[in-house]
Amino acid sequence: MNNSITLTETKLTKNPHTKTTYIEQSKEVKEITEREHGLLTSDDTCKWFRRLGGVESKQMAYTKHGYLCNKLVSTSPDKKSKTVREFQFK
C-alpha cells in the first residue's frame, strides 16, 4: 500500500510568564511513509519515552486507512518543551 502521509511537526517552548502556555518555535511539514508513521506512534516507542520521564499522548481517529493515530504530543521530562506531531492521511 503506497499511501501518502503528511506530518506537521510543531516545536513549542514554555512561556516563562505563565504556567500552562507554550510559544511556537518552529513548524515543519514533510511527507513520511507508513513505516515511519508506525515507528513514531507504536506503543513501544511511547512507553520508552514515558520511562525516560516524558509524557506521550496519542489521539486516535478513524481515517480512510483505518483506526490510526492522527496526533502525537510529546512533552519533555522537565516540562519546558513540547512537540506536537499531526498526521494527515491522503
Protein backbone atom coordinates (compact mmCIF):
# COMPACT_ATOMS: atom_id res chain seq x y z
CA MET A 1 0.00 0.00 0.00
CA ASN A 2 1.50 3.33 -1.05
CA ASN A 3 -0.39 5.94 0.96
CA SER A 4 0.84 9.47 1.39
CA ILE A 5 1.08 10.78 4.95
CA THR A 6 1.80 14.43 5.69
CA LEU A 7 3.49 15.13 9.02
CA THR A 8 3.23 18.60 10.54
CA GLU A 9 5.71 18.87 13.41
CA THR A 10 5.40 21.89 15.71
CA LYS A 11 8.04 22.55 18.36
CA LEU A 12 6.94 24.60 21.37
CA THR A 13 8.75 26.00 24.41
CA LYS A 14 7.25 27.00 27.73
CA ASN A 15 6.13 30.61 28.10
CA PRO A 16 8.16 31.90 31.08
CA HIS A 17 5.37 34.27 32.15
CA THR A 18 2.61 31.67 32.60
CA LYS A 19 2.22 28.16 33.95
CA THR A 20 0.38 26.43 31.11
CA THR A 21 1.05 28.14 27.78
CA TYR A 22 3.68 27.43 25.17
CA ILE A 23 5.27 29.58 22.45
CA GLU A 24 5.71 28.16 18.94
CA GLN A 25 9.39 27.94 17.96
CA SER A 26 9.23 26.16 14.61
CA LYS A 27 6.86 24.34 12.30
CA GLU A 28 7.93 21.77 9.71
CA VAL A 29 5.80 19.95 7.13
CA LYS A 30 7.08 16.82 5.39
CA GLU A 31 5.93 13.61 3.75
CA ILE A 32 6.56 10.34 5.60
CA THR A 33 5.99 6.67 4.84
CA GLU A 34 3.60 4.30 6.58
CA ARG A 35 6.59 2.59 8.19
CA GLU A 36 7.83 5.88 9.68
CA HIS A 37 4.32 6.62 10.98
CA GLY A 38 4.19 3.18 12.56
CA LEU A 39 7.56 3.64 14.26
CA LEU A 40 6.66 7.11 15.57
CA THR A 41 3.32 6.05 17.01
CA SER A 42 3.99 2.49 18.19
CA ASP A 43 3.15 1.61 21.80
CA ASP A 44 6.75 0.54 22.43
CA THR A 45 8.07 3.96 21.37
CA CYS A 46 5.58 5.79 23.61
CA LYS A 47 6.36 3.53 26.58
CA TRP A 48 10.10 4.11 26.09
CA PHE A 49 9.68 7.91 26.25
CA ARG A 50 7.42 7.58 29.30
CA ARG A 51 10.09 5.54 31.08
CA LEU A 52 12.55 8.40 30.43
CA GLY A 53 10.17 10.69 32.32
CA GLY A 54 8.47 12.41 29.41
CA VAL A 55 4.78 12.50 28.58
CA GLU A 56 3.47 10.94 25.37
CA SER A 57 -0.18 11.22 24.42
CA LYS A 58 -1.75 9.81 21.29
CA GLN A 59 -5.01 10.90 19.72
CA MET A 60 -6.58 8.16 17.64
CA ALA A 61 -9.19 8.64 14.93
CA TYR A 62 -10.89 6.76 12.15
CA THR A 63 -9.23 7.55 8.83
CA LYS A 64 -9.83 6.12 5.38
CA HIS A 65 -6.89 3.77 6.12
CA GLY A 66 -8.29 2.52 9.43
CA TYR A 67 -8.17 3.48 13.10
CA LEU A 68 -4.81 5.28 13.31
CA CYS A 69 -3.00 7.89 15.38
CA ASN A 70 -3.58 11.33 13.87
CA LYS A 71 -1.94 13.43 16.63
CA LEU A 72 1.02 12.72 18.92
CA VAL A 73 2.02 15.15 21.69
CA SER A 74 5.42 14.66 23.34
CA THR A 75 6.39 16.68 26.42
CA SER A 76 9.95 16.69 27.75
CA PRO A 77 10.68 15.39 31.29
CA ASP A 78 11.37 18.94 32.55
CA LYS A 79 8.07 20.18 31.01
CA LYS A 80 9.88 23.06 29.27
CA SER A 81 9.39 21.90 25.68
CA LYS A 82 6.69 20.13 23.73
CA THR A 83 6.48 18.64 20.25
CA VAL A 84 3.13 18.23 18.51
CA ARG A 85 3.04 15.87 15.52
CA GLU A 86 -0.13 15.93 13.40
CA PHE A 87 -0.68 13.37 10.65
CA GLN A 88 -2.88 13.84 7.59
CA PHE A 89 -3.67 10.76 5.50
CA LYS A 90 -4.20 11.12 1.75
